[in-house]
Amino acid sequence: MNRPRPRSSDAILLAGVVLVAINLRPAAASIGPLIGRIERDTGLSSGWASALTTLPVLCFGALAPLAPILAKRFGVRSSIAGAMVVLVAGIAMR
């Protein structure tokens, strides 16, 4: 059987997915090392500080089922573009 050859647009799409994943990593992992300072500066209790570190993981898990729905409705490229816009807006607000 002949396999279809990958198109250059598929490579660009894959690069977009990888770049989004790379950009999400600092947002999810940056709270842990700073949690002591965040507690001191804001007066958060240990319970609320641990909830703060858990929030990104909960959001990933809660919103992950939306990815295939959005991809099916708007297309993979548009969904990734929308995710990147939301990501840029979130990083800019932070």
PDB file of N, CA and C in Angstrom:
ATOM      1  N   MET A   1       0.827  -1.178   0.000  1.00  0.00           N
ATOM      2  CA  MET A   1       0.000   0.000   0.000  1.00  0.00           C
ATOM      3  C   MET A   1       0.874   1.245   0.000  1.00  0.00           C
ATOM      4  N   ASN A   2       0.413   2.211  -0.692  1.00  0.00           N
ATOM      5  CA  ASN A   2       1.130   3.483  -0.719  1.00  0.00           C
ATOM      6  C   ASN A   2       0.608   4.387   0.376  1.00  0.00           C
ATOM      7  N   ARG A   3       1.524   4.929   1.119  1.00  0.00           N
ATOM      8  CA  ARG A   3       1.139   5.897   2.145  1.00  0.00           C
ATOM      9  C   ARG A   3       1.127   7.280   1.534  1.00  0.00           C
ATOM     10  N   PRO A   4       0.183   8.117   1.954  1.00  0.00           N
ATOM     11  CA  PRO A   4       0.198   9.493   1.432  1.00  0.00           C
ATOM     12  C   PRO A   4       1.419  10.233   1.961  1.00  0.00           C
ATOM     13  N   ARG A   5       2.004  11.026   1.094  1.00  0.00           N
ATOM     14  CA  ARG A   5       3.180  11.804   1.488  1.00  0.00           C
ATOM     15  C   ARG A   5       2.746  12.996   2.334  1.00  0.00           C
ATOM     16  N   PRO A   6       3.522  13.283   3.379  1.00  0.00           N
ATOM     17  CA  PRO A   6       3.181  14.455   4.190  1.00  0.00           C
ATOM     18  C   PRO A   6       3.362  15.736   3.379  1.00  0.00           C
ATOM     19  N   ARG A   7       2.429  16.651   3.547  1.00  0.00           N
ATOM     20  CA  ARG A   7       2.513  17.939   2.866  1.00  0.00           C
ATOM     21  C   ARG A   7       3.289  18.907   3.744  1.00  0.00           C
ATOM     22  N   SER A   8       3.781  19.968   3.133  1.00  0.00           N
ATOM     23  CA  SER A   8       4.524  20.973   3.916  1.00  0.00           C
ATOM     24  C   SER A   8       3.601  21.662   4.913  1.00  0.00           C
ATOM     25  N   SER A   9       2.327  21.775   4.590  1.00  0.00           N
ATOM     26  CA  SER A   9       1.398  22.392   5.536  1.00  0.00           C
ATOM     27  C   SER A   9       1.217  21.513   6.778  1.00  0.00           C
ATOM     28  N   ASP A  10       1.371  20.197   6.620  1.00  0.00           N
ATOM     29  CA  ASP A  10       1.308  19.311   7.782  1.00  0.00           C
ATOM     30  C   ASP A  10       2.499  19.549   8.710  1.00  0.00           C
ATOM     31  N   ALA A  11       3.647  19.810   8.122  1.00  0.00           N
ATOM     32  CA  ALA A  11       4.838  20.095   8.925  1.00  0.00           C
ATOM     33  C   ALA A  11       4.673  21.415   9.671  1.00  0.00           C
ATOM     34  N   ILE A  12       4.073  22.391   9.036  1.00  0.00           N
ATOM     35  CA  ILE A  12       3.832  23.678   9.688  1.00  0.00           C
ATOM     36  C   ILE A  12       2.819  23.509  10.819  1.00  0.00           C
ATOM     37  N   LEU A  13       1.805  22.702  10.600  1.00  0.00           N
ATOM     38  CA  LEU A  13       0.811  22.424  11.634  1.00  0.00           C
ATOM     39  C   LEU A  13       1.457  21.719  12.828  1.00  0.00           C
ATOM     40  N   LEU A  14       2.301  20.750  12.564  1.00  0.00           N
ATOM     41  CA  LEU A  14       3.003  20.050  13.638  1.00  0.00           C
ATOM     42  C   LEU A  14       3.910  21.009  14.404  1.00  0.00           C
ATOM     43  N   ALA A  15       4.596  21.886  13.686  1.00  0.00           N
ATOM     44  CA  ALA A  15       5.451  22.883  14.347  1.00  0.00           C
ATOM     45  C   ALA A  15       4.602  23.803  15.229  1.00  0.00           C
ATOM     46  N   GLY A  16       3.423  24.162  14.772  1.00  0.00           N
ATOM     47  CA  GLY A  16       2.528  25.005  15.574  1.00  0.00           C
ATOM     48  C   GLY A  16       2.106  24.318  16.859  1.00  0.00           C
ATOM     49  N   VAL A  17       1.784  23.033  16.772  1.00  0.00           N
ATOM     50  CA  VAL A  17       1.394  22.278  17.968  1.00  0.00           C
ATOM     51  C   VAL A  17       2.561  22.213  18.951  1.00  0.00           C
ATOM     52  N   VAL A  18       3.754  21.959  18.439  1.00  0.00           N
ATOM     53  CA  VAL A  18       4.938  21.880  19.311  1.00  0.00           C
ATOM     54  C   VAL A  18       5.213  23.231  19.957  1.00  0.00           C
ATOM     55  N   LEU A  19       5.097  24.321  19.206  1.00  0.00           N
ATOM     56  CA  LEU A  19       5.339  25.651  19.768  1.00  0.00           C
ATOM     57  C   LEU A  19       4.315  26.010  20.838  1.00  0.00           C
ATOM     58  N   VAL A  20       3.072  25.644  20.631  1.00  0.00           N
ATOM     59  CA  VAL A  20       2.048  25.887  21.652  1.00  0.00           C
ATOM     60  C   VAL A  20       2.379  25.103  22.915  1.00  0.00           C
ATOM     61  N   ALA A  21       2.781  23.845  22.753  1.00  0.00           N
ATOM     62  CA  ALA A  21       3.128  23.021  23.913  1.00  0.00           C
ATOM     63  C   ALA A  21       4.322  23.606  24.662  1.00  0.00           C
ATOM     64  N   ILE A  22       5.309  24.081  23.931  1.00  0.00           N
ATOM     65  CA  ILE A  22       6.487  24.685  24.571  1.00  0.00           C
ATOM     66  C   ILE A  22       6.101  25.946  25.325  1.00  0.00           C
ATOM     67  N   ASN A  23       5.198  26.723  24.788  1.00  0.00           N
ATOM     68  CA  ASN A  23       4.789  27.963  25.445  1.00  0.00           C
ATOM     69  C   ASN A  23       3.870  27.720  26.639  1.00  0.00           C
ATOM     70  N   LEU A  24       3.181  26.607  26.694  1.00  0.00           N
ATOM     71  CA  LEU A  24       2.334  26.298  27.836  1.00  0.00           C
ATOM     72  C   LEU A  24       3.143  25.811  29.029  1.00  0.00           C
ATOM     73  N   ARG A  25       4.284  25.240  28.778  1.00  0.00           N
ATOM     74  CA  ARG A  25       5.102  24.679  29.859  1.00  0.00           C
ATOM     75  C   ARG A  25       5.494  25.717  30.908  1.00  0.00           C
ATOM     76  N   PRO A  26       6.045  26.876  30.549  1.00  0.00           N
ATOM     77  CA  PRO A  26       6.416  27.845  31.588  1.00  0.00           C
ATOM     78  C   PRO A  26       5.217  28.345  32.391  1.00  0.00           C
ATOM     79  N   ALA A  27       4.092  28.501  31.755  1.00  0.00           N
ATOM     80  CA  ALA A  27       2.910  28.982  32.467  1.00  0.00           C
ATOM     81  C   ALA A  27       2.463  27.985  33.527  1.00  0.00           C
ATOM     82  N   ALA A  28       2.608  26.703  33.243  1.00  0.00           N
ATOM     83  CA  ALA A  28       2.177  25.680  34.192  1.00  0.00           C
ATOM     84  C   ALA A  28       3.225  25.407  35.265  1.00  0.00           C
ATOM     85  N   ALA A  29       4.494  25.581  34.937  1.00  0.00           N
ATOM     86  CA  ALA A  29       5.556  25.189  35.870  1.00  0.00           C
ATOM     87  C   ALA A  29       6.183  26.356  36.629  1.00  0.00           C
ATOM     88  N   SER A  30       5.795  27.572  36.339  1.00  0.00           N
ATOM     89  CA  SER A  30       6.483  28.720  36.943  1.00  0.00           C
ATOM     90  C   SER A  30       5.994  29.060  38.349  1.00  0.00           C
ATOM     91  N   ILE A  31       4.867  28.543  38.769  1.00  0.00           N
ATOM     92  CA  ILE A  31       4.333  28.896  40.080  1.00  0.00           C
ATOM     93  C   ILE A  31       5.074  28.166  41.203  1.00  0.00           C
ATOM     94  N   GLY A  32       5.383  26.907  41.006  1.00  0.00           N
ATOM     95  CA  GLY A  32       6.006  26.092  42.043  1.00  0.00           C
ATOM     96  C   GLY A  32       7.252  26.701  42.677  1.00  0.00           C
ATOM     97  N   PRO A  33       8.239  27.090  41.894  1.00  0.00           N
ATOM     98  CA  PRO A  33       9.447  27.651  42.488  1.00  0.00           C
ATOM     99  C   PRO A  33       9.218  28.970  43.227  1.00  0.00           C
ATOM    100  N   LEU A  34       8.161  29.667  42.908  1.00  0.00           N
ATOM    101  CA  LEU A  34       7.901  30.979  43.512  1.00  0.00           C
ATOM    102  C   LEU A  34       6.848  30.941  44.612  1.00  0.00           C
ATOM    103  N   ILE A  35       6.376  29.758  44.967  1.00  0.00           N
ATOM    104  CA  ILE A  35       5.230  29.672  45.869  1.00  0.00           C
ATOM    105  C   ILE A  35       5.523  30.284  47.240  1.00  0.00           C
ATOM    106  N   GLY A  36       6.740  30.117  47.756  1.00  0.00           N
ATOM    107  CA  GLY A  36       7.080  30.725  49.051  1.00  0.00           C
ATOM    108  C   GLY A  36       6.993  32.242  49.010  1.00  0.00           C
ATOM    109  N   ARG A  37       7.496  32.804  47.951  1.00  0.00           N
ATOM    110  CA  ARG A  37       7.443  34.268  47.796  1.00  0.00           C
ATOM    111  C   ARG A  37       6.000  34.747  47.596  1.00  0.00           C
ATOM    112  N   ILE A  38       5.229  33.988  46.836  1.00  0.00           N
ATOM    113  CA  ILE A  38       3.824  34.348  46.624  1.00  0.00           C
ATOM    114  C   ILE A  38       3.067  34.318  47.953  1.00  0.00           C
ATOM    115  N   GLU A  39       3.342  33.301  48.778  1.00  0.00           N
ATOM    116  CA  GLU A  39       2.687  33.218  50.092  1.00  0.00           C
ATOM    117  C   GLU A  39       3.051  34.415  50.967  1.00  0.00           C
ATOM    118  N   ARG A  40       4.326  34.758  50.988  1.00  0.00           N
ATOM    119  CA  ARG A  40       4.758  35.904  51.809  1.00  0.00           C
ATOM    120  C   ARG A  40       4.168  37.214  51.305  1.00  0.00           C
ATOM    121  N   ASP A  41       4.217  37.430  50.004  1.00  0.00           N
ATOM    122  CA  ASP A  41       3.775  38.710  49.443  1.00  0.00           C
ATOM    123  C   ASP A  41       2.266  38.908  49.492  1.00  0.00           C
ATOM    124  N   THR A  42       1.514  37.827  49.362  1.00  0.00           N
ATOM    125  CA  THR A  42       0.052  37.963  49.307  1.00  0.00           C
ATOM    126  C   THR A  42      -0.641  37.545  50.593  1.00  0.00           C
ATOM    127  N   GLY A  43       0.060  36.848  51.467  1.00  0.00           N
ATOM    128  CA  GLY A  43      -0.548  36.378  52.703  1.00  0.00           C
ATOM    129  C   GLY A  43      -1.415  35.146  52.513  1.00  0.00           C
ATOM    130  N   LEU A  44      -1.227  34.418  51.415  1.00  0.00           N
ATOM    131  CA  LEU A  44      -1.995  33.195  51.175  1.00  0.00           C
ATOM    132  C   LEU A  44      -1.633  32.133  52.197  1.00  0.00           C
ATOM    133  N   SER A  45      -2.617  31.353  52.580  1.00  0.00           N
ATOM    134  CA  SER A  45      -2.343  30.210  53.450  1.00  0.00           C
ATOM    135  C   SER A  45      -1.727  29.094  52.599  1.00  0.00           C
ATOM    136  N   SER A  46      -1.188  28.088  53.258  1.00  0.00           N
ATOM    137  CA  SER A  46      -0.578  26.964  52.531  1.00  0.00           C
ATOM    138  C   SER A  46      -1.614  26.225  51.682  1.00  0.00           C
ATOM    139  N   GLY A  47      -2.831  26.124  52.186  1.00  0.00           N
ATOM    140  CA  GLY A  47      -3.892  25.457  51.435  1.00  0.00           C
ATOM    141  C   GLY A  47      -4.225  26.176  50.137  1.00  0.00           C
ATOM    142  N   TRP A  48      -4.381  27.498  50.213  1.00  0.00           N
ATOM    143  CA  TRP A  48      -4.676  28.271  49.008  1.00  0.00           C
ATOM    144  C   TRP A  48      -3.495  28.298  48.053  1.00  0.00           C
ATOM    145  N   ALA A  49      -2.285  28.313  48.599  1.00  0.00           N
ATOM    146  CA  ALA A  49      -1.097  28.288  47.742  1.00  0.00           C
ATOM    147  C   ALA A  49      -1.003  26.962  46.993  1.00  0.00           C
ATOM    148  N   SER A  50      -1.328  25.862  47.664  1.00  0.00           N
ATOM    149  CA  SER A  50      -1.307  24.575  46.966  1.00  0.00           C
ATOM    150  C   SER A  50      -2.423  24.504  45.932  1.00  0.00           C
ATOM    151  N   ALA A  51      -3.558  25.126  46.223  1.00  0.00           N
ATOM    152  CA  ALA A  51      -4.632  25.184  45.224  1.00  0.00           C
ATOM    153  C   ALA A  51      -4.186  25.983  44.003  1.00  0.00           C
ATOM    154  N   LEU A  52      -3.401  27.017  44.242  1.00  0.00           N
ATOM    155  CA  LEU A  52      -2.882  27.838  43.144  1.00  0.00           C
ATOM    156  C   LEU A  52      -1.960  27.030  42.239  1.00  0.00           C
ATOM    157  N   THR A  53      -1.143  26.166  42.817  1.00  0.00           N
ATOM    158  CA  THR A  53      -0.245  25.342  42.004  1.00  0.00           C
ATOM    159  C   THR A  53      -1.003  24.245  41.267  1.00  0.00           C
ATOM    160  N   THR A  54      -2.159  23.835  41.790  1.00  0.00           N
ATOM    161  CA  THR A  54      -2.954  22.776  41.174  1.00  0.00           C
ATOM    162  C   THR A  54      -3.840  23.315  40.053  1.00  0.00           C
ATOM    163  N   LEU A  55      -4.133  24.583  40.062  1.00  0.00           N
ATOM    164  CA  LEU A  55      -5.069  25.185  39.107  1.00  0.00           C
ATOM    165  C   LEU A  55      -4.706  24.938  37.638  1.00  0.00           C
ATOM    166  N   PRO A  56      -3.461  25.119  37.195  1.00  0.00           N
ATOM    167  CA  PRO A  56      -3.165  24.848  35.776  1.00  0.00           C
ATOM    168  C   PRO A  56      -3.448  23.405  35.366  1.00  0.00           C
ATOM    169  N   VAL A  57      -3.117  22.457  36.235  1.00  0.00           N
ATOM    170  CA  VAL A  57      -3.357  21.046  35.914  1.00  0.00           C
ATOM    171  C   VAL A  57      -4.859  20.770  35.816  1.00  0.00           C
ATOM    172  N   LEU A  58      -5.630  21.342  36.733  1.00  0.00           N
ATOM    173  CA  LEU A  58      -7.083  21.163  36.682  1.00  0.00           C
ATOM    174  C   LEU A  58      -7.673  21.773  35.410  1.00  0.00           C
ATOM    175  N   CYS A  59      -7.174  22.924  35.019  1.00  0.00           N
ATOM    176  CA  CYS A  59      -7.668  23.566  33.788  1.00  0.00           C
ATOM    177  C   CYS A  59      -7.324  22.735  32.556  1.00  0.00           C
ATOM    178  N   PHE A  60      -6.094  22.201  32.506  1.00  0.00           N
ATOM    179  CA  PHE A  60      -5.727  21.337  31.379  1.00  0.00           C
ATOM    180  C   PHE A  60      -6.673  20.150  31.296  1.00  0.00           C
ATOM    181  N   GLY A  61      -6.920  19.517  32.428  1.00  0.00           N
ATOM    182  CA  GLY A  61      -7.791  18.352  32.441  1.00  0.00           C
ATOM    183  C   GLY A  61      -9.236  18.680  32.113  1.00  0.00           C
ATOM    184  N   ALA A  62      -9.721  19.804  32.622  1.00  0.00           N
ATOM    185  CA  ALA A  62     -11.125  20.168  32.394  1.00  0.00           C
ATOM    186  C   ALA A  62     -11.372  20.630  30.962  1.00  0.00           C
ATOM    187  N   LEU A  63     -10.397  21.300  30.368  1.00  0.00           N
ATOM    188  CA  LEU A  63     -10.603  21.857  29.036  1.00  0.00           C
ATOM    189  C   LEU A  63     -10.112  20.960  27.903  1.00  0.00           C
ATOM    190  N   ALA A  64      -9.370  19.904  28.225  1.00  0.00           N
ATOM    191  CA  ALA A  64      -8.855  18.998  27.191  1.00  0.00           C
ATOM    192  C   ALA A  64      -9.955  18.372  26.333  1.00  0.00           C
ATOM    193  N   PRO A  65     -11.091  17.993  26.894  1.00  0.00           N
ATOM    194  CA  PRO A  65     -12.135  17.414  26.041  1.00  0.00           C
ATOM    195  C   PRO A  65     -12.690  18.393  24.995  1.00  0.00           C
ATOM    196  N   LEU A  66     -12.465  19.675  25.174  1.00  0.00           N
ATOM    197  CA  LEU A  66     -12.940  20.646  24.185  1.00  0.00           C
ATOM    198  C   LEU A  66     -12.095  20.654  22.910  1.00  0.00           C
ATOM    199  N   ALA A  67     -10.848  20.204  22.997  1.00  0.00           N
ATOM    200  CA  ALA A  67      -9.947  20.262  21.844  1.00  0.00           C
ATOM    201  C   ALA A  67     -10.493  19.524  20.621  1.00  0.00           C
ATOM    202  N   PRO A  68     -10.910  18.272  20.737  1.00  0.00           N
ATOM    203  CA  PRO A  68     -11.436  17.607  19.537  1.00  0.00           C
ATOM    204  C   PRO A  68     -12.739  18.223  19.037  1.00  0.00           C
ATOM    205  N   ILE A  69     -13.534  18.748  19.945  1.00  0.00           N
ATOM    206  CA  ILE A  69     -14.791  19.384  19.535  1.00  0.00           C
ATOM    207  C   ILE A  69     -14.493  20.637  18.720  1.00  0.00           C
ATOM    208  N   LEU A  70     -13.567  21.467  19.226  1.00  0.00           N
ATOM    209  CA  LEU A  70     -13.193  22.680  18.502  1.00  0.00           C
ATOM    210  C   LEU A  70     -12.524  22.354  17.176  1.00  0.00           C
ATOM    211  N   ALA A  71     -11.666  21.341  17.165  1.00  0.00           N
ATOM    212  CA  ALA A  71     -10.985  20.948  15.930  1.00  0.00           C
ATOM    213  C   ALA A  71     -11.972  20.454  14.884  1.00  0.00           C
ATOM    214  N   LYS A  72     -12.978  19.733  15.324  1.00  0.00           N
ATOM    215  CA  LYS A  72     -13.974  19.234  14.381  1.00  0.00           C
ATOM    216  C   LYS A  72     -14.846  20.372  13.852  1.00  0.00           C
ATOM    217  N   ARG A  73     -15.178  21.311  14.730  1.00  0.00           N
ATOM    218  CA  ARG A  73     -16.079  22.390  14.324  1.00  0.00           C
ATOM    219  C   ARG A  73     -15.387  23.471  13.494  1.00  0.00           C
ATOM    220  N   PHE A  74     -14.186  23.896  13.918  1.00  0.00           N
ATOM    221  CA  PHE A  74     -13.502  25.002  13.255  1.00  0.00           C
ATOM    222  C   PHE A  74     -12.311  24.579  12.410  1.00  0.00           C
ATOM    223  N   GLY A  75     -11.872  23.351  12.545  1.00  0.00           N
ATOM    224  CA  GLY A  75     -10.682  22.881  11.839  1.00  0.00           C
ATOM    225  C   GLY A  75      -9.476  22.969  12.760  1.00  0.00           C
ATOM    226  N   VAL A  76      -8.510  22.115  12.495  1.00  0.00           N
ATOM    227  CA  VAL A  76      -7.339  22.043  13.360  1.00  0.00           C
ATOM    228  C   VAL A  76      -6.544  23.340  13.312  1.00  0.00           C
ATOM    229  N   ARG A  77      -6.331  23.873  12.127  1.00  0.00           N
ATOM    230  CA  ARG A  77      -5.525  25.096  11.986  1.00  0.00           C
ATOM    231  C   ARG A  77      -6.159  26.281  12.703  1.00  0.00           C
ATOM    232  N   SER A  78      -7.445  26.452  12.542  1.00  0.00           N
ATOM    233  CA  SER A  78      -8.136  27.562  13.204  1.00  0.00           C
ATOM    234  C   SER A  78      -8.151  27.379  14.721  1.00  0.00           C
ATOM    235  N   SER A  79      -8.300  26.149  15.161  1.00  0.00           N
ATOM    236  CA  SER A  79      -8.295  25.884  16.602  1.00  0.00           C
ATOM    237  C   SER A  79      -6.936  26.192  17.211  1.00  0.00           C
ATOM    238  N   ILE A  80      -5.870  25.800  16.527  1.00  0.00           N
ATOM    239  CA  ILE A  80      -4.527  26.099  17.028  1.00  0.00           C
ATOM    240  C   ILE A  80      -4.280  27.604  17.007  1.00  0.00           C
ATOM    241  N   ALA A  81      -4.715  28.271  15.955  1.00  0.00           N
ATOM    242  CA  ALA A  81      -4.546  29.724  15.892  1.00  0.00           C
ATOM    243  C   ALA A  81      -5.305  30.406  17.032  1.00  0.00           C
ATOM    244  N   GLY A  82      -6.516  29.965  17.293  1.00  0.00           N
ATOM    245  CA  GLY A  82      -7.284  30.528  18.399  1.00  0.00           C
ATOM    246  C   GLY A  82      -6.631  30.264  19.740  1.00  0.00           C
ATOM    247  N   ALA A  83      -6.093  29.053  19.914  1.00  0.00           N
ATOM    248  CA  ALA A  83      -5.402  28.726  21.162  1.00  0.00           C
ATOM    249  C   ALA A  83      -4.170  29.601  21.344  1.00  0.00           C
ATOM    250  N   MET A  84      -3.469  29.873  20.258  1.00  0.00           N
ATOM    251  CA  MET A  84      -2.282  30.727  20.346  1.00  0.00           C
ATOM    252  C   MET A  84      -2.661  32.167  20.695  1.00  0.00           C
ATOM    253  N   VAL A  85      -3.777  32.645  20.169  1.00  0.00           N
ATOM    254  CA  VAL A  85      -4.233  33.997  20.505  1.00  0.00           C
ATOM    255  C   VAL A  85      -4.581  34.083  21.988  1.00  0.00           C
ATOM    256  N   VAL A  86      -5.293  33.078  22.485  1.00  0.00           N
ATOM    257  CA  VAL A  86      -5.639  33.048  23.913  1.00  0.00           C
ATOM    258  C   VAL A  86      -4.370  32.940  24.756  1.00  0.00           C
ATOM    259  N   LEU A  87      -3.410  32.132  24.318  1.00  0.00           N
ATOM    260  CA  LEU A  87      -2.151  31.979  25.041  1.00  0.00           C
ATOM    261  C   LEU A  87      -1.384  33.293  25.117  1.00  0.00           C
ATOM    262  N   VAL A  88      -1.292  33.991  24.000  1.00  0.00           N
ATOM    263  CA  VAL A  88      -0.602  35.289  23.977  1.00  0.00           C
ATOM    264  C   VAL A  88      -1.312  36.294  24.885  1.00  0.00           C
ATOM    265  N   ALA A  89      -2.634  36.310  24.857  1.00  0.00           N
ATOM    266  CA  ALA A  89      -3.390  37.236  25.707  1.00  0.00           C
ATOM    267  C   ALA A  89      -3.157  36.920  27.188  1.00  0.00           C
ATOM    268  N   GLY A  90      -3.154  35.631  27.534  1.00  0.00           N
ATOM    269  CA  GLY A  90      -2.908  35.249  28.928  1.00  0.00           C
ATOM    270  C   GLY A  90      -1.519  35.611  29.395  1.00  0.00           C
ATOM    271  N   ILE A  91      -0.523  35.374  28.536  1.00  0.00           N
ATOM    272  CA  ILE A  91       0.855  35.727  28.914  1.00  0.00           C
ATOM    273  C   ILE A  91       1.001  37.246  29.039  1.00  0.00           C
ATOM    274  N   ALA A  92       0.346  37.980  28.161  1.00  0.00           N
ATOM    275  CA  ALA A  92       0.421  39.446  28.230  1.00  0.00           C
ATOM    276  C   ALA A  92      -0.242  39.976  29.512  1.00  0.00           C
ATOM    277  N   MET A  93      -1.356  39.366  29.921  1.00  0.00           N
ATOM    278  CA  MET A  93      -2.012  39.804  31.158  1.00  0.00           C
ATOM    279  C   MET A  93      -1.190  39.451  32.382  1.00  0.00           C
ATOM    280  N   ARG A  94      -0.481  38.330  32.314  1.00  0.00           N
ATOM    281  CA  ARG A  94       0.344  37.920  33.457  1.00  0.00           C
ATOM    282  C   ARG A  94       1.523  38.837  33.624  1.00  0.00           C
TER     283      ARG A  94
END
